[in-house]
């Protein structure tokens, strides 16, 4: 009898784990496609499809087993969340950060430049203020958390928007330099 109980619960657990991995891989594959990483997304897609075939086959062969159906559905939801967390940890690519500032932007520009961020400045007019300055920055996604932390602590009223960058010209310089790398670069390291 204990063997039957173990078998009854082992299949839903197998389905749950398989769906978590499959849905996480699908989330990553979609992100890689949107970032233009075709080869990487194809490899992930092959593995994802194999897992999907196994987990879906286990459910379809016994549609009256509600534990299998629940495990299949729960695995999809958990896997999607897991995939998003993994993608945040990997932080592939770059983002455009747009800062919109009324008033004198020079203190913000000087501070961010000192920290290694390159910027492009454009003057404009806003509907609620006479002049605004728009600062564009291309930042590696791995640096986005650091930049947002600086902005929220030192300039909490600053308006910003963030957009993903799909492609950057090959060999283009992205105007971000880690200050530690500047020092090490000076010594050829």
N, C-alpha and C. Protein backbone atom coordinates (compact mmCIF):
# COMPACT_ATOMS: atom_id res chain seq x y z
N UNK A 1 0.80 -1.21 0.00
CA UNK A 1 0.00 0.00 0.00
C UNK A 1 0.85 1.27 0.00
N UNK A 2 1.94 1.35 0.80
CA UNK A 2 2.76 2.56 0.76
C UNK A 2 3.37 2.80 -0.61
N UNK A 3 3.66 1.73 -1.38
CA UNK A 3 4.22 1.90 -2.72
C UNK A 3 3.21 2.55 -3.65
N UNK A 4 1.94 2.23 -3.50
CA UNK A 4 0.90 2.83 -4.34
C UNK A 4 0.77 4.32 -4.02
N UNK A 5 0.81 4.67 -2.74
CA UNK A 5 0.71 6.07 -2.34
C UNK A 5 1.90 6.87 -2.87
N UNK A 6 3.09 6.26 -2.77
CA UNK A 6 4.29 6.93 -3.29
C UNK A 6 4.17 7.14 -4.79
N UNK A 7 3.65 6.15 -5.51
CA UNK A 7 3.48 6.27 -6.96
C UNK A 7 2.44 7.33 -7.31
N UNK A 8 1.35 7.35 -6.54
CA UNK A 8 0.28 8.32 -6.80
C UNK A 8 0.79 9.75 -6.67
N UNK A 9 1.66 10.00 -5.69
CA UNK A 9 2.16 11.36 -5.49
C UNK A 9 3.45 11.65 -6.26
N UNK A 10 4.16 10.62 -6.69
CA UNK A 10 5.41 10.87 -7.41
C UNK A 10 5.17 11.43 -8.81
N UNK A 11 4.13 10.99 -9.47
CA UNK A 11 3.85 11.50 -10.82
C UNK A 11 3.45 12.98 -10.77
N UNK A 12 2.55 13.41 -9.89
CA UNK A 12 2.26 14.85 -9.83
C UNK A 12 3.49 15.69 -9.46
N UNK A 13 4.35 15.17 -8.58
CA UNK A 13 5.57 15.91 -8.22
C UNK A 13 6.49 16.00 -9.43
N UNK A 14 6.62 14.92 -10.18
CA UNK A 14 7.42 14.93 -11.40
C UNK A 14 6.86 15.94 -12.41
N UNK A 15 5.55 15.94 -12.57
CA UNK A 15 4.92 16.90 -13.48
C UNK A 15 5.15 18.32 -13.00
N UNK A 16 4.99 18.57 -11.71
CA UNK A 16 5.19 19.91 -11.16
C UNK A 16 6.62 20.40 -11.42
N UNK A 17 7.61 19.58 -11.11
CA UNK A 17 9.01 19.97 -11.30
C UNK A 17 9.30 20.19 -12.78
N UNK A 18 8.81 19.28 -13.62
CA UNK A 18 9.05 19.42 -15.07
C UNK A 18 8.43 20.71 -15.60
N UNK A 19 7.20 21.02 -15.18
CA UNK A 19 6.54 22.25 -15.65
C UNK A 19 7.22 23.49 -15.13
N UNK A 20 7.74 23.45 -13.90
CA UNK A 20 8.47 24.61 -13.38
C UNK A 20 9.68 24.88 -14.27
N UNK A 21 10.46 23.83 -14.57
CA UNK A 21 11.63 24.02 -15.42
C UNK A 21 11.22 24.45 -16.83
N UNK A 22 10.19 23.83 -17.36
CA UNK A 22 9.77 24.14 -18.74
C UNK A 22 9.27 25.57 -18.85
N UNK A 23 8.45 26.02 -17.91
CA UNK A 23 7.92 27.38 -17.96
C UNK A 23 9.03 28.41 -17.72
N UNK A 24 9.97 28.10 -16.84
CA UNK A 24 11.10 29.00 -16.62
C UNK A 24 11.93 29.13 -17.89
N UNK A 25 12.18 28.00 -18.55
CA UNK A 25 12.93 28.03 -19.81
C UNK A 25 12.17 28.79 -20.89
N UNK A 26 10.84 28.64 -20.94
CA UNK A 26 10.05 29.36 -21.93
C UNK A 26 10.14 30.87 -21.70
N UNK A 27 10.10 31.28 -20.44
CA UNK A 27 10.24 32.70 -20.12
C UNK A 27 11.59 33.21 -20.58
N UNK A 28 12.65 32.47 -20.29
CA UNK A 28 13.99 32.87 -20.72
C UNK A 28 14.10 32.89 -22.24
N UNK A 29 13.51 31.90 -22.90
CA UNK A 29 13.56 31.84 -24.36
C UNK A 29 12.90 33.06 -24.97
N UNK A 30 11.75 33.44 -24.44
CA UNK A 30 11.05 34.62 -24.94
C UNK A 30 11.89 35.88 -24.75
N UNK A 31 12.55 35.99 -23.62
CA UNK A 31 13.39 37.15 -23.35
C UNK A 31 14.59 37.16 -24.30
N UNK A 32 15.20 35.99 -24.52
CA UNK A 32 16.33 35.93 -25.44
C UNK A 32 15.91 36.30 -26.86
N UNK A 33 14.72 35.89 -27.27
CA UNK A 33 14.22 36.26 -28.60
C UNK A 33 14.07 37.78 -28.68
N UNK A 34 13.47 38.38 -27.65
CA UNK A 34 13.24 39.83 -27.69
C UNK A 34 14.55 40.62 -27.66
N UNK A 35 15.62 40.02 -27.16
CA UNK A 35 16.93 40.69 -27.11
C UNK A 35 17.79 40.36 -28.32
N UNK A 36 17.26 39.54 -29.24
CA UNK A 36 17.99 39.23 -30.46
C UNK A 36 19.01 38.11 -30.34
N UNK A 37 18.92 37.27 -29.31
CA UNK A 37 19.85 36.15 -29.13
C UNK A 37 19.22 34.89 -29.73
N UNK A 38 19.25 34.79 -31.05
CA UNK A 38 18.56 33.71 -31.76
C UNK A 38 19.13 32.33 -31.42
N UNK A 39 20.43 32.16 -31.45
CA UNK A 39 21.03 30.84 -31.21
C UNK A 39 20.76 30.36 -29.79
N UNK A 40 20.89 31.25 -28.83
CA UNK A 40 20.64 30.90 -27.44
C UNK A 40 19.17 30.52 -27.24
N UNK A 41 18.27 31.29 -27.84
CA UNK A 41 16.85 30.99 -27.69
C UNK A 41 16.49 29.66 -28.36
N UNK A 42 17.15 29.33 -29.45
CA UNK A 42 16.89 28.04 -30.12
C UNK A 42 17.32 26.87 -29.25
N UNK A 43 18.48 26.98 -28.62
CA UNK A 43 18.97 25.91 -27.74
C UNK A 43 18.05 25.73 -26.54
N UNK A 44 17.65 26.83 -25.94
CA UNK A 44 16.73 26.76 -24.80
C UNK A 44 15.40 26.16 -25.25
N UNK A 45 14.95 26.52 -26.45
CA UNK A 45 13.69 26.00 -26.97
C UNK A 45 13.69 24.50 -27.17
N UNK A 46 14.81 23.94 -27.58
CA UNK A 46 14.91 22.49 -27.77
C UNK A 46 14.74 21.77 -26.43
N UNK A 47 15.44 22.23 -25.41
CA UNK A 47 15.33 21.61 -24.09
C UNK A 47 13.92 21.78 -23.53
N UNK A 48 13.38 22.99 -23.67
CA UNK A 48 12.04 23.30 -23.18
C UNK A 48 10.99 22.40 -23.82
N UNK A 49 11.09 22.19 -25.11
CA UNK A 49 10.11 21.37 -25.82
C UNK A 49 10.18 19.91 -25.38
N UNK A 50 11.39 19.42 -25.14
CA UNK A 50 11.52 18.04 -24.64
C UNK A 50 10.85 17.86 -23.29
N UNK A 51 11.07 18.80 -22.40
CA UNK A 51 10.43 18.74 -21.08
C UNK A 51 8.92 18.87 -21.22
N UNK A 52 8.47 19.75 -22.11
CA UNK A 52 7.03 19.94 -22.32
C UNK A 52 6.38 18.64 -22.81
N UNK A 53 7.02 17.96 -23.75
CA UNK A 53 6.46 16.71 -24.26
C UNK A 53 6.28 15.68 -23.15
N UNK A 54 7.26 15.54 -22.30
CA UNK A 54 7.18 14.56 -21.21
C UNK A 54 6.08 14.94 -20.22
N UNK A 55 6.07 16.21 -19.76
CA UNK A 55 5.08 16.60 -18.75
C UNK A 55 3.66 16.59 -19.32
N UNK A 56 3.50 17.04 -20.53
CA UNK A 56 2.16 17.05 -21.13
C UNK A 56 1.68 15.63 -21.40
N UNK A 57 2.60 14.76 -21.83
CA UNK A 57 2.24 13.36 -22.06
C UNK A 57 1.76 12.68 -20.79
N UNK A 58 2.40 12.98 -19.66
CA UNK A 58 1.97 12.39 -18.39
C UNK A 58 0.57 12.84 -17.99
N UNK A 59 0.23 14.07 -18.33
CA UNK A 59 -1.11 14.56 -17.98
C UNK A 59 -2.16 14.02 -18.95
N UNK A 60 -1.87 14.04 -20.22
CA UNK A 60 -2.86 13.64 -21.23
C UNK A 60 -3.19 12.15 -21.12
N UNK A 61 -2.24 11.33 -20.73
CA UNK A 61 -2.52 9.90 -20.63
C UNK A 61 -3.48 9.56 -19.49
N UNK A 62 -3.70 10.50 -18.57
CA UNK A 62 -4.62 10.26 -17.47
C UNK A 62 -5.30 11.57 -17.08
N UNK A 63 -6.23 12.01 -17.90
CA UNK A 63 -6.91 13.29 -17.66
C UNK A 63 -7.85 13.28 -16.46
N UNK A 64 -8.17 12.12 -15.92
CA UNK A 64 -9.07 12.06 -14.76
C UNK A 64 -8.32 12.24 -13.44
N UNK A 65 -7.01 12.25 -13.48
CA UNK A 65 -6.22 12.44 -12.26
C UNK A 65 -6.05 13.94 -12.03
N UNK A 66 -6.83 14.47 -11.10
CA UNK A 66 -6.83 15.91 -10.87
C UNK A 66 -5.53 16.40 -10.23
N UNK A 67 -4.82 15.54 -9.52
CA UNK A 67 -3.52 15.94 -8.96
C UNK A 67 -2.53 16.25 -10.08
N UNK A 68 -2.57 15.45 -11.15
CA UNK A 68 -1.69 15.71 -12.30
C UNK A 68 -2.04 17.04 -12.95
N UNK A 69 -3.33 17.30 -13.11
CA UNK A 69 -3.76 18.57 -13.72
C UNK A 69 -3.35 19.76 -12.85
N UNK A 70 -3.54 19.64 -11.55
CA UNK A 70 -3.16 20.72 -10.64
C UNK A 70 -1.65 20.95 -10.69
N UNK A 71 -0.88 19.88 -10.68
CA UNK A 71 0.59 20.01 -10.73
C UNK A 71 1.02 20.67 -12.03
N UNK A 72 0.37 20.33 -13.14
CA UNK A 72 0.68 20.91 -14.44
C UNK A 72 0.44 22.42 -14.43
N UNK A 73 -0.71 22.82 -13.93
CA UNK A 73 -1.06 24.25 -13.88
C UNK A 73 -0.20 25.02 -12.89
N UNK A 74 0.01 24.46 -11.71
CA UNK A 74 0.83 25.13 -10.70
C UNK A 74 2.27 25.27 -11.18
N UNK A 75 2.78 24.26 -11.84
CA UNK A 75 4.14 24.31 -12.36
C UNK A 75 4.33 25.42 -13.37
N UNK A 76 3.31 25.66 -14.17
CA UNK A 76 3.39 26.75 -15.16
C UNK A 76 3.52 28.10 -14.47
N UNK A 77 2.68 28.35 -13.48
CA UNK A 77 2.72 29.63 -12.77
C UNK A 77 4.03 29.83 -12.01
N UNK A 78 4.45 28.82 -11.28
CA UNK A 78 5.70 28.92 -10.51
C UNK A 78 6.89 29.07 -11.46
N UNK A 79 6.88 28.32 -12.55
CA UNK A 79 7.97 28.39 -13.52
C UNK A 79 8.09 29.75 -14.18
N UNK A 80 6.96 30.38 -14.46
CA UNK A 80 6.99 31.72 -15.05
C UNK A 80 7.65 32.71 -14.10
N UNK A 81 7.25 32.66 -12.84
CA UNK A 81 7.86 33.55 -11.84
C UNK A 81 9.35 33.25 -11.68
N UNK A 82 9.71 31.98 -11.66
CA UNK A 82 11.11 31.60 -11.54
C UNK A 82 11.92 32.09 -12.74
N UNK A 83 11.36 31.96 -13.93
CA UNK A 83 12.03 32.43 -15.14
C UNK A 83 12.29 33.92 -15.11
N UNK A 84 11.34 34.68 -14.61
CA UNK A 84 11.53 36.12 -14.49
C UNK A 84 12.63 36.46 -13.49
N UNK A 85 12.68 35.72 -12.39
CA UNK A 85 13.73 35.95 -11.40
C UNK A 85 15.11 35.60 -11.97
N UNK A 86 15.19 34.51 -12.71
CA UNK A 86 16.46 34.12 -13.32
C UNK A 86 16.89 35.19 -14.32
N UNK A 87 15.96 35.68 -15.12
CA UNK A 87 16.30 36.71 -16.10
C UNK A 87 16.80 37.97 -15.42
N UNK A 88 16.20 38.34 -14.30
CA UNK A 88 16.68 39.51 -13.56
C UNK A 88 18.10 39.29 -13.04
N UNK A 89 18.42 38.07 -12.63
CA UNK A 89 19.77 37.79 -12.14
C UNK A 89 20.78 37.80 -13.29
N UNK A 90 20.38 37.29 -14.45
CA UNK A 90 21.29 37.26 -15.61
C UNK A 90 21.52 38.66 -16.15
N UNK A 91 20.48 39.47 -16.22
CA UNK A 91 20.55 40.87 -16.68
C UNK A 91 21.29 41.02 -18.00
N UNK A 92 20.79 40.39 -19.02
CA UNK A 92 21.40 40.46 -20.34
C UNK A 92 21.01 41.77 -21.02
N UNK A 93 21.95 42.39 -21.67
CA UNK A 93 21.67 43.54 -22.52
C UNK A 93 21.83 44.88 -21.84
N UNK A 94 21.20 45.85 -22.46
CA UNK A 94 21.31 47.24 -22.04
C UNK A 94 19.92 47.87 -21.96
N UNK A 95 19.84 48.99 -21.28
CA UNK A 95 18.61 49.77 -21.20
C UNK A 95 18.94 51.23 -21.50
N UNK A 96 17.93 51.94 -21.95
CA UNK A 96 18.04 53.39 -22.07
C UNK A 96 17.33 53.97 -20.87
N UNK A 97 18.04 54.78 -20.12
CA UNK A 97 17.46 55.48 -18.98
C UNK A 97 17.31 56.93 -19.41
N UNK A 98 16.10 57.44 -19.27
CA UNK A 98 15.79 58.82 -19.65
C UNK A 98 15.44 59.57 -18.37
N UNK A 99 16.22 60.59 -18.05
CA UNK A 99 15.95 61.45 -16.89
C UNK A 99 15.36 62.75 -17.39
N UNK A 100 14.26 63.19 -16.78
CA UNK A 100 13.61 64.44 -17.18
C UNK A 100 13.63 65.36 -15.97
N UNK A 101 14.33 66.49 -16.14
CA UNK A 101 14.58 67.38 -15.01
C UNK A 101 14.20 68.82 -15.32
N UNK A 102 13.35 69.41 -14.49
CA UNK A 102 13.19 70.87 -14.54
C UNK A 102 14.33 71.48 -13.72
N UNK A 103 14.68 72.68 -14.00
CA UNK A 103 15.73 73.33 -13.21
C UNK A 103 17.12 72.98 -13.71
N UNK A 104 18.11 73.27 -12.88
CA UNK A 104 19.51 73.10 -13.23
C UNK A 104 19.92 71.64 -13.15
N UNK A 105 20.29 71.02 -14.27
CA UNK A 105 20.67 69.62 -14.27
C UNK A 105 22.14 69.39 -13.94
N UNK A 106 22.94 70.45 -13.88
CA UNK A 106 24.39 70.28 -13.77
C UNK A 106 24.83 69.47 -12.55
N UNK A 107 24.26 69.65 -11.36
CA UNK A 107 24.70 68.82 -10.22
C UNK A 107 24.45 67.32 -10.45
N UNK A 108 23.32 67.00 -11.04
CA UNK A 108 23.01 65.58 -11.32
C UNK A 108 23.98 65.04 -12.36
N UNK A 109 24.20 65.80 -13.43
CA UNK A 109 25.11 65.38 -14.49
C UNK A 109 26.52 65.17 -13.94
N UNK A 110 27.00 66.12 -13.15
CA UNK A 110 28.35 66.01 -12.60
C UNK A 110 28.48 64.79 -11.69
N UNK A 111 27.49 64.56 -10.86
CA UNK A 111 27.55 63.42 -9.94
C UNK A 111 27.54 62.10 -10.69
N UNK A 112 26.63 61.95 -11.66
CA UNK A 112 26.54 60.69 -12.40
C UNK A 112 27.77 60.47 -13.28
N UNK A 113 28.31 61.54 -13.85
CA UNK A 113 29.53 61.42 -14.66
C UNK A 113 30.70 60.97 -13.79
N UNK A 114 30.77 61.49 -12.59
CA UNK A 114 31.84 61.10 -11.65
C UNK A 114 31.75 59.61 -11.33
N UNK A 115 30.54 59.06 -11.33
CA UNK A 115 30.33 57.65 -11.03
C UNK A 115 30.53 56.76 -12.24
N UNK A 116 30.83 57.36 -13.41
CA UNK A 116 31.14 56.58 -14.60
C UNK A 116 30.05 56.50 -15.64
N UNK A 117 28.94 57.18 -15.46
CA UNK A 117 27.84 57.12 -16.41
C UNK A 117 28.00 58.20 -17.47
N UNK A 118 27.92 57.79 -18.74
CA UNK A 118 27.93 58.74 -19.84
C UNK A 118 26.52 59.19 -20.13
N UNK A 119 26.37 60.40 -20.61
CA UNK A 119 25.04 60.96 -20.82
C UNK A 119 25.00 61.81 -22.08
N UNK A 120 23.81 61.92 -22.65
CA UNK A 120 23.53 62.86 -23.71
C UNK A 120 22.44 63.78 -23.19
N UNK A 121 22.67 65.09 -23.32
CA UNK A 121 21.76 66.09 -22.76
C UNK A 121 21.00 66.78 -23.89
N UNK A 122 19.70 66.91 -23.70
CA UNK A 122 18.83 67.62 -24.65
C UNK A 122 17.98 68.60 -23.87
N UNK A 123 17.89 69.82 -24.35
CA UNK A 123 17.05 70.84 -23.72
C UNK A 123 15.67 70.80 -24.37
N UNK A 124 14.65 71.02 -23.58
CA UNK A 124 13.29 71.02 -24.11
C UNK A 124 12.39 71.90 -23.28
N UNK A 125 11.13 71.88 -23.64
CA UNK A 125 10.12 72.64 -22.91
C UNK A 125 9.05 71.68 -22.45
N UNK A 126 8.60 71.89 -21.22
CA UNK A 126 7.54 71.06 -20.68
C UNK A 126 6.25 71.85 -20.55
N UNK A 127 5.16 71.17 -20.39
CA UNK A 127 3.88 71.87 -20.28
C UNK A 127 3.68 72.45 -18.88
N UNK A 128 4.41 71.93 -17.89
CA UNK A 128 4.28 72.44 -16.53
C UNK A 128 5.49 73.25 -16.07
N UNK A 129 6.50 73.33 -16.90
CA UNK A 129 7.66 74.17 -16.59
C UNK A 129 8.20 74.74 -17.90
N UNK A 130 8.86 75.88 -17.79
CA UNK A 130 9.36 76.53 -19.01
C UNK A 130 10.40 75.68 -19.72
N UNK A 131 11.41 75.24 -18.99
CA UNK A 131 12.45 74.43 -19.62
C UNK A 131 12.66 73.15 -18.83
N UNK A 132 13.00 72.11 -19.55
CA UNK A 132 13.38 70.84 -18.95
C UNK A 132 14.64 70.35 -19.64
N UNK A 133 15.38 69.55 -18.95
CA UNK A 133 16.54 68.89 -19.54
C UNK A 133 16.25 67.41 -19.55
N UNK A 134 16.49 66.80 -20.70
CA UNK A 134 16.30 65.35 -20.84
C UNK A 134 17.69 64.75 -20.99
N UNK A 135 18.00 63.82 -20.13
CA UNK A 135 19.29 63.14 -20.15
C UNK A 135 19.05 61.70 -20.60
N UNK A 136 19.76 61.29 -21.64
CA UNK A 136 19.70 59.91 -22.13
C UNK A 136 20.96 59.18 -21.70
N UNK A 137 20.79 57.97 -21.21
CA UNK A 137 21.93 57.15 -20.80
C UNK A 137 21.70 55.72 -21.28
N UNK A 138 22.72 55.12 -21.89
CA UNK A 138 22.67 53.69 -22.22
C UNK A 138 23.47 52.99 -21.14
N UNK A 139 22.80 52.09 -20.44
CA UNK A 139 23.39 51.47 -19.25
C UNK A 139 23.26 49.96 -19.36
N UNK A 140 24.32 49.22 -19.02
CA UNK A 140 24.17 47.75 -18.95
C UNK A 140 23.11 47.40 -17.90
N UNK A 141 22.30 46.39 -18.19
CA UNK A 141 21.25 46.01 -17.23
C UNK A 141 21.83 45.61 -15.88
N UNK A 142 23.07 45.13 -15.89
CA UNK A 142 23.70 44.77 -14.62
C UNK A 142 23.95 45.99 -13.74
N UNK A 143 23.98 47.17 -14.33
CA UNK A 143 24.22 48.41 -13.60
C UNK A 143 22.93 49.16 -13.25
N UNK A 144 21.80 48.70 -13.77
CA UNK A 144 20.56 49.44 -13.59
C UNK A 144 20.17 49.57 -12.12
N UNK A 145 20.30 48.52 -11.35
CA UNK A 145 19.96 48.57 -9.93
C UNK A 145 20.77 49.61 -9.18
N UNK A 146 22.06 49.66 -9.47
CA UNK A 146 22.94 50.65 -8.84
C UNK A 146 22.51 52.07 -9.20
N UNK A 147 22.22 52.30 -10.48
CA UNK A 147 21.81 53.63 -10.93
C UNK A 147 20.49 54.05 -10.28
N UNK A 148 19.52 53.15 -10.26
CA UNK A 148 18.23 53.48 -9.66
C UNK A 148 18.35 53.73 -8.16
N UNK A 149 19.24 53.01 -7.51
CA UNK A 149 19.48 53.24 -6.09
C UNK A 149 20.03 54.65 -5.86
N UNK A 150 20.97 55.05 -6.68
CA UNK A 150 21.55 56.40 -6.58
C UNK A 150 20.47 57.46 -6.82
N UNK A 151 19.68 57.26 -7.87
CA UNK A 151 18.64 58.24 -8.21
C UNK A 151 17.61 58.33 -7.09
N UNK A 152 17.16 57.18 -6.56
CA UNK A 152 16.12 57.23 -5.54
C UNK A 152 16.62 57.82 -4.23
N UNK A 153 17.88 57.61 -3.90
CA UNK A 153 18.42 58.15 -2.65
C UNK A 153 18.78 59.63 -2.77
N UNK A 154 19.46 60.00 -3.85
CA UNK A 154 19.98 61.36 -3.96
C UNK A 154 19.04 62.33 -4.69
N UNK A 155 18.18 61.80 -5.55
CA UNK A 155 17.28 62.65 -6.33
C UNK A 155 15.87 62.03 -6.35
N UNK A 156 15.21 61.95 -5.21
CA UNK A 156 13.93 61.22 -5.15
C UNK A 156 12.81 61.83 -5.98
N UNK A 157 12.89 63.10 -6.33
CA UNK A 157 11.84 63.75 -7.11
C UNK A 157 12.10 63.70 -8.61
N UNK A 158 13.20 63.11 -9.02
CA UNK A 158 13.58 63.07 -10.43
C UNK A 158 12.70 62.08 -11.19
N UNK A 159 12.16 62.51 -12.32
CA UNK A 159 11.35 61.65 -13.17
C UNK A 159 12.27 60.88 -14.10
N UNK A 160 12.06 59.56 -14.19
CA UNK A 160 12.86 58.76 -15.11
C UNK A 160 11.99 57.71 -15.78
N UNK A 161 12.43 57.30 -16.96
CA UNK A 161 11.81 56.18 -17.67
C UNK A 161 12.92 55.25 -18.11
N UNK A 162 12.57 53.99 -18.31
CA UNK A 162 13.55 52.98 -18.69
C UNK A 162 12.96 52.16 -19.83
N UNK A 163 13.78 51.92 -20.86
CA UNK A 163 13.37 51.09 -21.98
C UNK A 163 14.45 50.08 -22.28
N UNK A 164 14.06 48.88 -22.66
CA UNK A 164 15.03 47.88 -23.09
C UNK A 164 15.58 48.25 -24.45
N UNK A 165 16.82 47.90 -24.67
CA UNK A 165 17.47 48.08 -25.97
C UNK A 165 17.57 46.71 -26.60
N UNK A 166 17.03 46.57 -27.79
CA UNK A 166 17.10 45.27 -28.46
C UNK A 166 18.48 45.02 -29.03
N UNK A 167 19.00 45.96 -29.77
CA UNK A 167 20.31 45.80 -30.39
C UNK A 167 21.12 47.08 -30.25
N UNK A 168 22.41 46.91 -30.18
CA UNK A 168 23.36 48.01 -30.22
C UNK A 168 24.34 47.68 -31.33
N UNK A 169 24.73 48.68 -32.07
CA UNK A 169 25.68 48.49 -33.16
C UNK A 169 26.90 47.73 -32.65
N UNK A 170 27.34 46.72 -33.41
CA UNK A 170 28.52 45.94 -33.02
C UNK A 170 29.71 46.87 -32.83
N UNK A 171 30.37 46.69 -31.71
CA UNK A 171 31.56 47.48 -31.42
C UNK A 171 31.27 48.87 -30.89
N UNK A 172 30.00 49.20 -30.72
CA UNK A 172 29.66 50.55 -30.24
C UNK A 172 30.07 50.69 -28.77
N UNK A 173 30.53 51.85 -28.44
CA UNK A 173 30.89 52.15 -27.06
C UNK A 173 29.63 52.61 -26.34
N UNK A 174 29.34 52.05 -25.19
CA UNK A 174 28.08 52.35 -24.53
C UNK A 174 28.18 53.44 -23.48
N UNK A 175 29.28 54.14 -23.40
CA UNK A 175 29.42 55.28 -22.52
C UNK A 175 29.10 54.98 -21.07
N UNK A 176 29.61 53.85 -20.62
CA UNK A 176 29.59 53.56 -19.19
C UNK A 176 30.95 53.02 -18.85
N UNK A 177 31.53 53.52 -17.84
CA UNK A 177 32.84 53.06 -17.42
C UNK A 177 32.86 52.94 -15.92
N UNK A 178 33.11 51.75 -15.43
CA UNK A 178 33.24 51.52 -13.99
C UNK A 178 34.49 52.25 -13.50
N UNK A 179 34.37 53.14 -12.51
CA UNK A 179 35.55 53.89 -12.05
C UNK A 179 36.71 53.00 -11.62
N UNK A 180 36.42 51.82 -11.06
CA UNK A 180 37.50 50.91 -10.67
C UNK A 180 38.27 50.43 -11.90
N UNK A 181 37.54 50.17 -13.00
CA UNK A 181 38.19 49.71 -14.23
C UNK A 181 39.07 50.80 -14.81
N UNK A 182 38.70 52.07 -14.64
CA UNK A 182 39.54 53.17 -15.14
C UNK A 182 40.88 53.14 -14.45
N UNK A 183 40.88 52.93 -13.15
CA UNK A 183 42.14 52.90 -12.39
C UNK A 183 42.96 51.68 -12.81
N UNK A 184 42.32 50.51 -12.87
CA UNK A 184 43.04 49.30 -13.26
C UNK A 184 43.50 49.39 -14.72
N UNK A 185 42.67 50.00 -15.58
CA UNK A 185 43.03 50.18 -16.99
C UNK A 185 44.26 51.04 -17.16
N UNK A 186 44.43 52.01 -16.30
CA UNK A 186 45.61 52.88 -16.34
C UNK A 186 46.88 52.07 -16.15
N UNK A 187 46.81 51.01 -15.34
CA UNK A 187 47.96 50.15 -15.09
C UNK A 187 48.01 48.95 -16.03
N UNK A 188 47.12 48.93 -17.05
CA UNK A 188 47.13 47.85 -18.03
C UNK A 188 46.48 46.58 -17.55
N UNK A 189 45.70 46.66 -16.48
CA UNK A 189 45.02 45.47 -15.95
C UNK A 189 43.59 45.39 -16.41
